[in-house]
Amino acid sequence: ATPPAKLPIIQRAVMAGCDRLDGVADGLIEDPRACTFDPAVLVCKGADAADCLPKAQVDALQQIYEGPRNPRTQERLFVGQPPGTEAVPGSWGTWITPANPASAIQFAFGNSYYGAAVFENPNWNFRMLDFDRDVQMGDAKGGPVLNATSPDLGSFRASGGKLIQYHGWGDAAIPAPSSIEYYESVRAFLSTYPDARTPGAPPAEEFYRLFMVPGMGHCGGGAGPNSFGNGGSAAATRGNPERDIFTALERWVEQGVAPARLIGTGRAADDPSKPLTRPLCPYPQSAQYRGSGDVNDAANFAC
């Protein structure tokens, strides 16, 4: 396992290669999917040292970014973890690679899911996992109870429902690309299978919008513009549909005004002494710096 002390080395290397892809070097990656960081650059040339990683740790890091695969068939089983927030407090060092690997929250979830829910065997442990058999069994046994992945939101749409979903790119509990995959599955399903209750097969964004939040951790926290009513409405933003996600949803349902953007607030990732505002754009849009002005002011960015 990669010790927490090495996580800042990894994040600095990621930022060196990818921070400017969104037009501004600010310690945040607007869309980590555009980052092609290769962890191989971190391999120690000789003995393990403070500024590099042994080959085994780099291989493990690569697997975290790529996501789990069946080791025999190489079939991808789930999305990987996006780069860019490895060293943020409460992120990888808590969920994925703590000093004691067995205390990782991800490990606890995986081990208890297969041991208790799938096999109902108190003596089961992760070394017993058979990728060819057990992952499929878990999907068949636990999936019908736990999964919320059906792309058929036709009845919800037909009843007038509006859905705003958000996901932090720095979520070390649930990798953010999974929300994009779900959104795309809904969009594809509703365009492929017309619903007589909603003539004309309008695009999914007419009732469902997804906001990806750079730097933000699991549901909140982390780095960047991570506050927009997602942890409850603050007095200063309550009732403002641009800055409070619940008010945005309320306005969409009651007045038919879809959220063209939200404004997230937080602290600058590269200088926490500075306040930050940044537009959060409905996927697949992203915030782009206009080229001039304070990079911590949302007014200087466009979707």
C-alpha atoms as a PDB file:
ATOM      1  CA  ALA A   1       0.000   0.000   0.000  1.00  0.00           C
ATOM      2  CA  THR A   2       1.073   3.590  -0.605  1.00  0.00           C
ATOM      3  CA  PRO A   3       1.732   5.253   2.779  1.00  0.00           C
ATOM      4  CA  PRO A   4      -0.155   8.532   3.407  1.00  0.00           C
ATOM      5  CA  ALA A   5       3.162  10.407   3.532  1.00  0.00           C
ATOM      6  CA  LYS A   6       3.612   9.698  -0.188  1.00  0.00           C
ATOM      7  CA  LEU A   7       0.195  11.020  -1.237  1.00  0.00           C
ATOM      8  CA  PRO A   8       1.366  14.668  -1.555  1.00  0.00           C
ATOM      9  CA  ILE A   9       4.098  13.505  -3.959  1.00  0.00           C
ATOM     10  CA  ILE A  10       1.466  11.854  -6.121  1.00  0.00           C
ATOM     11  CA  GLN A  11      -0.886  14.830  -6.095  1.00  0.00           C
ATOM     12  CA  ARG A  12       1.919  17.277  -6.929  1.00  0.00           C
ATOM     13  CA  ALA A  13       2.937  15.131  -9.896  1.00  0.00           C
ATOM     14  CA  VAL A  14      -0.669  14.978 -11.112  1.00  0.00           C
ATOM     15  CA  MET A  15      -1.047  18.742 -10.809  1.00  0.00           C
ATOM     16  CA  ALA A  16       2.216  19.389 -12.644  1.00  0.00           C
ATOM     17  CA  GLY A  17       0.817  17.559 -15.647  1.00  0.00           C
ATOM     18  CA  CYS A  18      -2.871  18.375 -15.510  1.00  0.00           C
ATOM     19  CA  ASP A  19      -3.683  21.504 -13.493  1.00  0.00           C
ATOM     20  CA  ARG A  20      -3.478  23.867 -16.487  1.00  0.00           C
ATOM     21  CA  LEU A  21      -5.741  21.782 -18.744  1.00  0.00           C
ATOM     22  CA  ASP A  22      -8.744  23.942 -17.783  1.00  0.00           C
ATOM     23  CA  GLY A  23      -6.891  27.168 -18.558  1.00  0.00           C
ATOM     24  CA  VAL A  24      -5.791  28.082 -15.043  1.00  0.00           C
ATOM     25  CA  ALA A  25      -3.290  26.693 -12.516  1.00  0.00           C
ATOM     26  CA  ASP A  26      -5.275  26.796  -9.296  1.00  0.00           C
ATOM     27  CA  GLY A  27      -4.822  23.423  -7.608  1.00  0.00           C
ATOM     28  CA  LEU A  28      -8.082  22.105  -9.099  1.00  0.00           C
ATOM     29  CA  ILE A  29      -8.717  19.918 -12.135  1.00  0.00           C
ATOM     30  CA  GLU A  30     -12.041  20.864 -13.695  1.00  0.00           C
ATOM     31  CA  ASP A  31     -12.453  17.544 -15.534  1.00  0.00           C
ATOM     32  CA  PRO A  32      -9.964  14.837 -14.489  1.00  0.00           C
ATOM     33  CA  ARG A  33     -10.971  12.686 -17.469  1.00  0.00           C
ATOM     34  CA  ALA A  34      -8.736  14.939 -19.570  1.00  0.00           C
ATOM     35  CA  CYS A  35      -5.735  14.149 -17.346  1.00  0.00           C
ATOM     36  CA  THR A  36      -3.405  11.540 -18.810  1.00  0.00           C
ATOM     37  CA  PHE A  37      -1.033  11.372 -15.835  1.00  0.00           C
ATOM     38  CA  ASP A  38       1.234   8.302 -15.952  1.00  0.00           C
ATOM     39  CA  PRO A  39       2.242   7.142 -12.449  1.00  0.00           C
ATOM     40  CA  ALA A  40       5.347   5.505 -13.941  1.00  0.00           C
ATOM     41  CA  VAL A  41       7.135   8.861 -13.633  1.00  0.00           C
ATOM     42  CA  LEU A  42       7.159   8.316  -9.861  1.00  0.00           C
ATOM     43  CA  VAL A  43       9.054   5.011  -9.862  1.00  0.00           C
ATOM     44  CA  CYS A  44      12.216   5.208  -7.746  1.00  0.00           C
ATOM     45  CA  LYS A  45      15.406   4.975  -9.790  1.00  0.00           C
ATOM     46  CA  GLY A  46      17.133   3.196  -6.897  1.00  0.00           C
ATOM     47  CA  ALA A  47      16.109   2.542  -3.302  1.00  0.00           C
ATOM     48  CA  ASP A  48      12.829   3.835  -1.877  1.00  0.00           C
ATOM     49  CA  ALA A  49      13.045   7.557  -1.117  1.00  0.00           C
ATOM     50  CA  ALA A  50      10.841  10.400   0.066  1.00  0.00           C
ATOM     51  CA  ASP A  51      10.282  11.766  -3.448  1.00  0.00           C
ATOM     52  CA  CYS A  52       9.426   8.542  -5.312  1.00  0.00           C
ATOM     53  CA  LEU A  53       7.468   5.293  -5.079  1.00  0.00           C
ATOM     54  CA  PRO A  54       8.652   1.677  -5.370  1.00  0.00           C
ATOM     55  CA  LYS A  55       7.451  -0.102  -8.518  1.00  0.00           C
ATOM     56  CA  ALA A  56       4.882  -2.193  -6.580  1.00  0.00           C
ATOM     57  CA  GLN A  57       3.251   0.961  -5.173  1.00  0.00           C
ATOM     58  CA  VAL A  58       3.141   2.575  -8.606  1.00  0.00           C
ATOM     59  CA  ASP A  59       1.481  -0.553 -10.027  1.00  0.00           C
ATOM     60  CA  ALA A  60      -1.126  -0.407  -7.254  1.00  0.00           C
ATOM     61  CA  LEU A  61      -1.661   3.307  -7.924  1.00  0.00           C
ATOM     62  CA  GLN A  62      -2.249   2.582 -11.599  1.00  0.00           C
ATOM     63  CA  GLN A  63      -4.901   0.019 -10.673  1.00  0.00           C
ATOM     64  CA  ILE A  64      -6.675   2.534  -8.416  1.00  0.00           C
ATOM     65  CA  TYR A  65      -6.857   5.010 -11.307  1.00  0.00           C
ATOM     66  CA  GLU A  66      -7.989   2.377 -13.801  1.00  0.00           C
ATOM     67  CA  GLY A  67     -10.558   0.678 -11.581  1.00  0.00           C
ATOM     68  CA  PRO A  68     -10.902  -3.011 -10.741  1.00  0.00           C
ATOM     69  CA  ARG A  69     -10.679  -5.586 -13.498  1.00  0.00           C
ATOM     70  CA  ASN A  70     -11.130  -9.310 -13.739  1.00  0.00           C
ATOM     71  CA  PRO A  71      -7.465 -10.398 -13.621  1.00  0.00           C
ATOM     72  CA  ARG A  72      -8.069 -13.225 -16.098  1.00  0.00           C
ATOM     73  CA  THR A  73     -10.263 -11.570 -18.733  1.00  0.00           C
ATOM     74  CA  GLN A  74      -9.303  -7.927 -18.014  1.00  0.00           C
ATOM     75  CA  GLU A  75     -13.006  -7.016 -18.088  1.00  0.00           C
ATOM     76  CA  ARG A  76     -13.480  -3.750 -16.229  1.00  0.00           C
ATOM     77  CA  LEU A  77     -15.745  -4.230 -13.219  1.00  0.00           C
ATOM     78  CA  PHE A  78     -16.130  -0.619 -12.104  1.00  0.00           C
ATOM     79  CA  VAL A  79     -14.827   2.864 -12.825  1.00  0.00           C
ATOM     80  CA  GLY A  80     -11.489   4.004 -11.428  1.00  0.00           C
ATOM     81  CA  GLN A  81     -10.617   6.812  -9.056  1.00  0.00           C
ATOM     82  CA  PRO A  82      -9.963  10.155 -10.799  1.00  0.00           C
ATOM     83  CA  PRO A  83      -6.611  11.864 -10.163  1.00  0.00           C
ATOM     84  CA  GLY A  84      -6.123  15.202  -8.463  1.00  0.00           C
ATOM     85  CA  THR A  85      -7.187  14.969  -4.804  1.00  0.00           C
ATOM     86  CA  GLU A  86      -4.992  12.145  -3.518  1.00  0.00           C
ATOM     87  CA  ALA A  87      -3.541  14.148  -0.596  1.00  0.00           C
ATOM     88  CA  VAL A  88      -6.624  16.174   0.375  1.00  0.00           C
ATOM     89  CA  PRO A  89      -7.468  15.531   4.070  1.00  0.00           C
ATOM     90  CA  GLY A  90     -10.218  12.934   4.453  1.00  0.00           C
ATOM     91  CA  SER A  91      -9.665  11.609   0.937  1.00  0.00           C
ATOM     92  CA  TRP A  92      -7.359   8.745  -0.071  1.00  0.00           C
ATOM     93  CA  GLY A  93      -5.665   8.650   3.336  1.00  0.00           C
ATOM     94  CA  THR A  94      -9.009   7.783   4.933  1.00  0.00           C
ATOM     95  CA  TRP A  95     -10.823   5.768   2.282  1.00  0.00           C
ATOM     96  CA  ILE A  96      -8.142   4.043   0.214  1.00  0.00           C
ATOM     97  CA  THR A  97      -4.562   4.093   1.537  1.00  0.00           C
ATOM     98  CA  PRO A  98      -4.330   4.834   5.283  1.00  0.00           C
ATOM     99  CA  ALA A  99      -1.213   3.981   7.285  1.00  0.00           C
ATOM    100  CA  ASN A 100      -2.908   0.741   8.333  1.00  0.00           C
ATOM    101  CA  PRO A 101      -4.343  -0.658   5.062  1.00  0.00           C
ATOM    102  CA  ALA A 102      -6.899  -2.765   6.939  1.00  0.00           C
ATOM    103  CA  SER A 103      -8.458   0.427   8.348  1.00  0.00           C
ATOM    104  CA  ALA A 104      -9.361   1.777   4.903  1.00  0.00           C
ATOM    105  CA  ILE A 105     -13.095   2.435   4.748  1.00  0.00           C
ATOM    106  CA  GLN A 106     -13.214   1.002   1.224  1.00  0.00           C
ATOM    107  CA  PHE A 107     -11.650  -2.211   2.528  1.00  0.00           C
ATOM    108  CA  ALA A 108     -14.235  -2.444   5.316  1.00  0.00           C
ATOM    109  CA  PHE A 109     -17.092  -2.043   2.850  1.00  0.00           C
ATOM    110  CA  GLY A 110     -15.746  -4.601   0.393  1.00  0.00           C
ATOM    111  CA  ASN A 111     -14.807  -7.199   2.976  1.00  0.00           C
ATOM    112  CA  SER A 112     -18.093  -6.923   4.881  1.00  0.00           C
ATOM    113  CA  TYR A 113     -20.216  -6.873   1.712  1.00  0.00           C
ATOM    114  CA  TYR A 114     -18.839 -10.127   0.376  1.00  0.00           C
ATOM    115  CA  GLY A 115     -18.371 -11.740   3.775  1.00  0.00           C
ATOM    116  CA  ALA A 116     -21.694 -10.805   5.353  1.00  0.00           C
ATOM    117  CA  ALA A 117     -24.110  -9.946   2.543  1.00  0.00           C
ATOM    118  CA  VAL A 118     -22.983 -12.246  -0.271  1.00  0.00           C
ATOM    119  CA  PHE A 119     -21.530 -15.340   1.419  1.00  0.00           C
ATOM    120  CA  GLU A 120     -22.993 -14.861   4.914  1.00  0.00           C
ATOM    121  CA  ASN A 121     -19.779 -16.368   6.209  1.00  0.00           C
ATOM    122  CA  PRO A 122     -18.046 -14.722   9.213  1.00  0.00           C
ATOM    123  CA  ASN A 123     -14.784 -16.440   8.237  1.00  0.00           C
ATOM    124  CA  TRP A 124     -14.697 -15.031   4.674  1.00  0.00           C
ATOM    125  CA  ASN A 125     -11.872 -12.652   3.763  1.00  0.00           C
ATOM    126  CA  PHE A 126     -10.850 -10.835   0.605  1.00  0.00           C
ATOM    127  CA  ARG A 127      -8.094 -13.335  -0.248  1.00  0.00           C
ATOM    128  CA  MET A 128     -10.841 -15.874  -0.947  1.00  0.00           C
ATOM    129  CA  LEU A 129     -12.422 -13.753  -3.711  1.00  0.00           C
ATOM    130  CA  ASP A 130     -12.768 -15.513  -7.073  1.00  0.00           C
ATOM    131  CA  PHE A 131     -13.240 -12.767  -9.674  1.00  0.00           C
ATOM    132  CA  ASP A 132     -14.754 -15.103 -12.251  1.00  0.00           C
ATOM    133  CA  ARG A 133     -17.435 -16.426  -9.924  1.00  0.00           C
ATOM    134  CA  ASP A 134     -17.895 -14.188  -6.900  1.00  0.00           C
ATOM    135  CA  VAL A 135     -18.368 -10.766  -8.493  1.00  0.00           C
ATOM    136  CA  GLN A 136     -21.130 -12.191 -10.674  1.00  0.00           C
ATOM    137  CA  MET A 137     -22.674 -13.894  -7.653  1.00  0.00           C
ATOM    138  CA  GLY A 138     -22.598 -10.650  -5.696  1.00  0.00           C
ATOM    139  CA  ASP A 139     -24.361  -8.845  -8.539  1.00  0.00           C
ATOM    140  CA  ALA A 140     -27.005 -11.558  -8.758  1.00  0.00           C
ATOM    141  CA  LYS A 141     -27.586 -11.832  -5.004  1.00  0.00           C
ATOM    142  CA  GLY A 142     -27.020  -8.308  -3.710  1.00  0.00           C
ATOM    143  CA  GLY A 143     -27.774  -6.327  -6.843  1.00  0.00           C
ATOM    144  CA  PRO A 144     -31.581  -6.622  -6.797  1.00  0.00           C
ATOM    145  CA  VAL A 145     -31.588  -5.338  -3.209  1.00  0.00           C
ATOM    146  CA  LEU A 146     -28.905  -2.639  -3.394  1.00  0.00           C
ATOM    147  CA  ASN A 147     -28.498  -1.378  -6.958  1.00  0.00           C
ATOM    148  CA  ALA A 148     -30.091   1.886  -8.072  1.00  0.00           C
ATOM    149  CA  THR A 149     -28.865   1.736 -11.646  1.00  0.00           C
ATOM    150  CA  SER A 150     -31.979   1.328 -13.789  1.00  0.00           C
ATOM    151  CA  PRO A 151     -31.819   3.844 -16.645  1.00  0.00           C
ATOM    152  CA  ASP A 152     -35.615   3.880 -17.029  1.00  0.00           C
ATOM    153  CA  LEU A 153     -36.682   7.169 -15.475  1.00  0.00           C
ATOM    154  CA  GLY A 154     -39.603   7.443 -17.878  1.00  0.00           C
ATOM    155  CA  SER A 155     -42.318   7.315 -15.214  1.00  0.00           C
ATOM    156  CA  PHE A 156     -40.499   9.907 -13.111  1.00  0.00           C
ATOM    157  CA  ARG A 157     -40.205  12.192 -16.137  1.00  0.00           C
ATOM    158  CA  ALA A 158     -43.827  11.672 -17.174  1.00  0.00           C
ATOM    159  CA  SER A 159     -45.044  12.628 -13.692  1.00  0.00           C
ATOM    160  CA  GLY A 160     -43.265  15.984 -13.960  1.00  0.00           C
ATOM    161  CA  GLY A 161     -40.292  15.022 -11.831  1.00  0.00           C
ATOM    162  CA  LYS A 162     -37.063  17.023 -11.946  1.00  0.00           C
ATOM    163  CA  LEU A 163     -33.731  15.563 -10.846  1.00  0.00           C
ATOM    164  CA  ILE A 164     -30.534  17.416  -9.917  1.00  0.00           C
ATOM    165  CA  GLN A 165     -27.607  15.132  -9.168  1.00  0.00           C
ATOM    166  CA  TYR A 166     -24.140  16.215  -8.068  1.00  0.00           C
ATOM    167  CA  HIS A 167     -20.871  14.386  -7.515  1.00  0.00           C
ATOM    168  CA  GLY A 168     -17.482  15.581  -6.294  1.00  0.00           C
ATOM    169  CA  TRP A 169     -14.553  14.724  -8.553  1.00  0.00           C
ATOM    170  CA  GLY A 170     -12.543  14.095  -5.371  1.00  0.00           C
ATOM    171  CA  ASP A 171     -14.989  11.571  -3.876  1.00  0.00           C
ATOM    172  CA  ALA A 172     -12.763   8.764  -2.578  1.00  0.00           C
ATOM    173  CA  ALA A 173     -15.794   6.705  -1.505  1.00  0.00           C
ATOM    174  CA  ILE A 174     -17.687   6.505  -4.816  1.00  0.00           C
ATOM    175  CA  PRO A 175     -15.601   7.347  -7.902  1.00  0.00           C
ATOM    176  CA  ALA A 176     -17.203  10.261  -9.725  1.00  0.00           C
ATOM    177  CA  PRO A 177     -17.205   8.730 -13.248  1.00  0.00           C
ATOM    178  CA  SER A 178     -19.917   6.331 -12.045  1.00  0.00           C
ATOM    179  CA  SER A 179     -22.396   9.239 -11.983  1.00  0.00           C
ATOM    180  CA  ILE A 180     -21.455  10.194 -15.529  1.00  0.00           C
ATOM    181  CA  GLU A 181     -21.946   6.587 -16.628  1.00  0.00           C
ATOM    182  CA  TYR A 182     -25.387   6.534 -15.027  1.00  0.00           C
ATOM    183  CA  TYR A 183     -26.411   9.860 -16.565  1.00  0.00           C
ATOM    184  CA  GLU A 184     -25.302   8.652 -19.991  1.00  0.00           C
ATOM    185  CA  SER A 185     -27.216   5.390 -19.518  1.00  0.00           C
ATOM    186  CA  VAL A 186     -30.419   7.307 -18.764  1.00  0.00           C
ATOM    187  CA  ARG A 187     -29.896   9.587 -21.751  1.00  0.00           C
ATOM    188  CA  ALA A 188     -29.284   6.635 -24.062  1.00  0.00           C
ATOM    189  CA  PHE A 189     -32.237   4.629 -22.724  1.00  0.00           C
ATOM    190  CA  LEU A 190     -34.778   7.433 -23.042  1.00  0.00           C
ATOM    191  CA  SER A 191     -33.640   8.336 -26.552  1.00  0.00           C
ATOM    192  CA  THR A 192     -33.674   4.694 -27.674  1.00  0.00           C
ATOM    193  CA  TYR A 193     -37.003   3.649 -26.148  1.00  0.00           C
ATOM    194  CA  PRO A 194     -39.655   6.346 -26.687  1.00  0.00           C
ATOM    195  CA  ASP A 195     -42.300   6.786 -23.993  1.00  0.00           C
ATOM    196  CA  ALA A 196     -45.855   7.515 -25.176  1.00  0.00           C
ATOM    197  CA  ARG A 197     -46.432   9.559 -22.010  1.00  0.00           C
ATOM    198  CA  THR A 198     -43.750  12.049 -23.107  1.00  0.00           C
ATOM    199  CA  PRO A 199     -44.158  12.678 -26.867  1.00  0.00           C
ATOM    200  CA  GLY A 200     -41.179  13.771 -28.906  1.00  0.00           C
ATOM    201  CA  ALA A 201     -38.547  12.081 -26.712  1.00  0.00           C
ATOM    202  CA  PRO A 202     -37.159  15.357 -25.309  1.00  0.00           C
ATOM    203  CA  PRO A 203     -33.515  15.254 -24.209  1.00  0.00           C
ATOM    204  CA  ALA A 204     -32.757  14.083 -20.695  1.00  0.00           C
ATOM    205  CA  GLU A 205     -31.496  17.503 -19.614  1.00  0.00           C
ATOM    206  CA  GLU A 206     -35.064  18.765 -19.741  1.00  0.00           C
ATOM    207  CA  PHE A 207     -35.723  16.929 -16.478  1.00  0.00           C
ATOM    208  CA  TYR A 208     -32.339  15.635 -15.251  1.00  0.00           C
ATOM    209  CA  ARG A 209     -29.107  17.578 -14.771  1.00  0.00           C
ATOM    210  CA  LEU A 210     -25.808  16.373 -13.365  1.00  0.00           C
ATOM    211  CA  PHE A 211     -23.266  18.713 -11.773  1.00  0.00           C
ATOM    212  CA  MET A 212     -19.676  17.540 -11.351  1.00  0.00           C
ATOM    213  CA  VAL A 213     -17.774  19.453  -8.669  1.00  0.00           C
ATOM    214  CA  PRO A 214     -13.982  19.841  -8.988  1.00  0.00           C
ATOM    215  CA  GLY A 215     -12.060  18.968  -5.829  1.00  0.00           C
ATOM    216  CA  MET A 216     -15.077  18.088  -3.707  1.00  0.00           C
ATOM    217  CA  GLY A 217     -15.025  14.940  -1.581  1.00  0.00           C
ATOM    218  CA  HIS A 218     -17.786  12.517  -0.614  1.00  0.00           C
ATOM    219  CA  CYS A 219     -21.029  14.557  -0.776  1.00  0.00           C
ATOM    220  CA  GLY A 220     -19.126  17.639   0.460  1.00  0.00           C
ATOM    221  CA  GLY A 221     -15.831  18.729   1.959  1.00  0.00           C
ATOM    222  CA  GLY A 222     -12.544  18.225   0.188  1.00  0.00           C
ATOM    223  CA  ALA A 223     -11.189  21.123  -1.850  1.00  0.00           C
ATOM    224  CA  GLY A 224     -12.583  23.798  -4.126  1.00  0.00           C
ATOM    225  CA  PRO A 225     -16.149  25.111  -4.626  1.00  0.00           C
ATOM    226  CA  ASN A 226     -17.719  22.470  -2.386  1.00  0.00           C
ATOM    227  CA  SER A 227     -20.584  24.419  -0.806  1.00  0.00           C
ATOM    228  CA  PHE A 228     -23.786  25.100  -2.769  1.00  0.00           C
ATOM    229  CA  GLY A 229     -26.557  24.110  -0.382  1.00  0.00           C
ATOM    230  CA  ASN A 230     -25.491  20.456  -0.493  1.00  0.00           C
ATOM    231  CA  GLY A 231     -24.944  20.359   3.263  1.00  0.00           C
ATOM    232  CA  GLY A 232     -28.106  22.326   4.012  1.00  0.00           C
ATOM    233  CA  SER A 233     -28.876  25.928   3.157  1.00  0.00           C
ATOM    234  CA  ALA A 234     -26.711  28.617   4.714  1.00  0.00           C
ATOM    235  CA  ALA A 235     -28.501  31.783   5.752  1.00  0.00           C
ATOM    236  CA  ALA A 236     -26.547  33.825   3.204  1.00  0.00           C
ATOM    237  CA  THR A 237     -27.563  31.648   0.252  1.00  0.00           C
ATOM    238  CA  ARG A 238     -31.000  30.357   1.286  1.00  0.00           C
ATOM    239  CA  GLY A 239     -33.541  31.187  -1.406  1.00  0.00           C
ATOM    240  CA  ASN A 240     -30.879  31.901  -4.044  1.00  0.00           C
ATOM    241  CA  PRO A 241     -31.314  29.348  -6.862  1.00  0.00           C
ATOM    242  CA  GLU A 242     -27.783  29.987  -8.156  1.00  0.00           C
ATOM    243  CA  ARG A 243     -26.137  29.256  -4.825  1.00  0.00           C
ATOM    244  CA  ASP A 244     -28.515  26.827  -3.144  1.00  0.00           C
ATOM    245  CA  ILE A 245     -29.201  23.544  -4.918  1.00  0.00           C
ATOM    246  CA  PHE A 246     -32.490  22.894  -3.129  1.00  0.00           C
ATOM    247  CA  THR A 247     -33.827  26.300  -4.159  1.00  0.00           C
ATOM    248  CA  ALA A 248     -32.687  25.561  -7.713  1.00  0.00           C
ATOM    249  CA  LEU A 249     -34.673  22.323  -7.674  1.00  0.00           C
ATOM    250  CA  GLU A 250     -37.702  24.059  -6.160  1.00  0.00           C
ATOM    251  CA  ARG A 251     -37.633  26.749  -8.865  1.00  0.00           C
ATOM    252  CA  TRP A 252     -37.275  24.124 -11.604  1.00  0.00           C
ATOM    253  CA  VAL A 253     -40.293  22.159 -10.355  1.00  0.00           C
ATOM    254  CA  GLU A 254     -42.537  25.124  -9.543  1.00  0.00           C
ATOM    255  CA  GLN A 255     -41.534  27.642 -12.224  1.00  0.00           C
ATOM    256  CA  GLY A 256     -40.034  25.479 -14.966  1.00  0.00           C
ATOM    257  CA  VAL A 257     -36.670  27.260 -14.846  1.00  0.00           C
ATOM    258  CA  ALA A 258     -33.878  24.713 -15.264  1.00  0.00           C
ATOM    259  CA  PRO A 259     -30.550  25.407 -13.524  1.00  0.00           C
ATOM    260  CA  ALA A 260     -28.122  26.675 -16.183  1.00  0.00           C
ATOM    261  CA  ARG A 261     -25.373  26.667 -13.548  1.00  0.00           C
ATOM    262  CA  LEU A 262     -24.776  26.737  -9.809  1.00  0.00           C
ATOM    263  CA  ILE A 263     -22.201  28.806  -7.935  1.00  0.00           C
ATOM    264  CA  GLY A 264     -20.067  26.846  -5.511  1.00  0.00           C
ATOM    265  CA  THR A 265     -18.151  28.565  -2.729  1.00  0.00           C
ATOM    266  CA  GLY A 266     -15.125  27.415  -0.780  1.00  0.00           C
ATOM    267  CA  ARG A 267     -11.460  28.202  -0.281  1.00  0.00           C
ATOM    268  CA  ALA A 268      -8.840  28.404  -3.004  1.00  0.00           C
ATOM    269  CA  ALA A 269      -7.202  24.981  -3.322  1.00  0.00           C
ATOM    270  CA  ASP A 270      -3.729  26.483  -3.775  1.00  0.00           C
ATOM    271  CA  ASP A 271      -4.187  29.094  -1.006  1.00  0.00           C
ATOM    272  CA  PRO A 272      -6.849  28.263   1.619  1.00  0.00           C
ATOM    273  CA  SER A 273      -6.584  31.804   3.019  1.00  0.00           C
ATOM    274  CA  LYS A 274      -8.471  33.059  -0.045  1.00  0.00           C
ATOM    275  CA  PRO A 275     -12.240  32.665  -0.582  1.00  0.00           C
ATOM    276  CA  LEU A 276     -13.312  31.004  -3.814  1.00  0.00           C
ATOM    277  CA  THR A 277     -16.415  31.064  -5.980  1.00  0.00           C
ATOM    278  CA  ARG A 278     -16.678  28.989  -9.141  1.00  0.00           C
ATOM    279  CA  PRO A 279     -19.534  28.124 -11.501  1.00  0.00           C
ATOM    280  CA  LEU A 280     -20.659  24.496 -11.468  1.00  0.00           C
ATOM    281  CA  CYS A 281     -21.871  23.618 -14.941  1.00  0.00           C
ATOM    282  CA  PRO A 282     -24.409  20.976 -15.957  1.00  0.00           C
ATOM    283  CA  TYR A 283     -22.635  17.988 -17.502  1.00  0.00           C
ATOM    284  CA  PRO A 284     -21.222  17.749 -20.153  1.00  0.00           C
ATOM    285  CA  GLN A 285     -20.350  21.445 -19.834  1.00  0.00           C
ATOM    286  CA  SER A 286     -17.435  22.532 -17.660  1.00  0.00           C
ATOM    287  CA  ALA A 287     -16.225  25.853 -16.278  1.00  0.00           C
ATOM    288  CA  GLN A 288     -13.591  27.578 -18.420  1.00  0.00           C
ATOM    289  CA  TYR A 289     -11.507  30.578 -17.350  1.00  0.00           C
ATOM    290  CA  ARG A 290     -12.212  33.612 -19.526  1.00  0.00           C
ATOM    291  CA  GLY A 291      -8.525  34.488 -19.599  1.00  0.00           C
ATOM    292  CA  SER A 292      -8.376  37.484 -17.290  1.00  0.00           C
ATOM    293  CA  GLY A 293      -9.387  38.544 -13.805  1.00  0.00           C
ATOM    294  CA  ASP A 294      -9.250  36.887 -10.390  1.00  0.00           C
ATOM    295  CA  VAL A 295      -9.182  33.099 -10.814  1.00  0.00           C
ATOM    296  CA  ASN A 296     -11.037  32.768  -7.498  1.00  0.00           C
ATOM    297  CA  ASP A 297     -14.052  34.745  -8.742  1.00  0.00           C
ATOM    298  CA  ALA A 298     -16.851  32.880 -10.529  1.00  0.00           C
ATOM    299  CA  ALA A 299     -17.527  35.975 -12.688  1.00  0.00           C
ATOM    300  CA  ASN A 300     -14.324  35.230 -14.606  1.00  0.00           C
ATOM    301  CA  PHE A 301     -15.457  31.765 -15.718  1.00  0.00           C
ATOM    302  CA  ALA A 302     -18.032  30.623 -18.244  1.00  0.00           C
ATOM    303  CA  CYS A 303     -19.762  27.285 -18.792  1.00  0.00           C
END
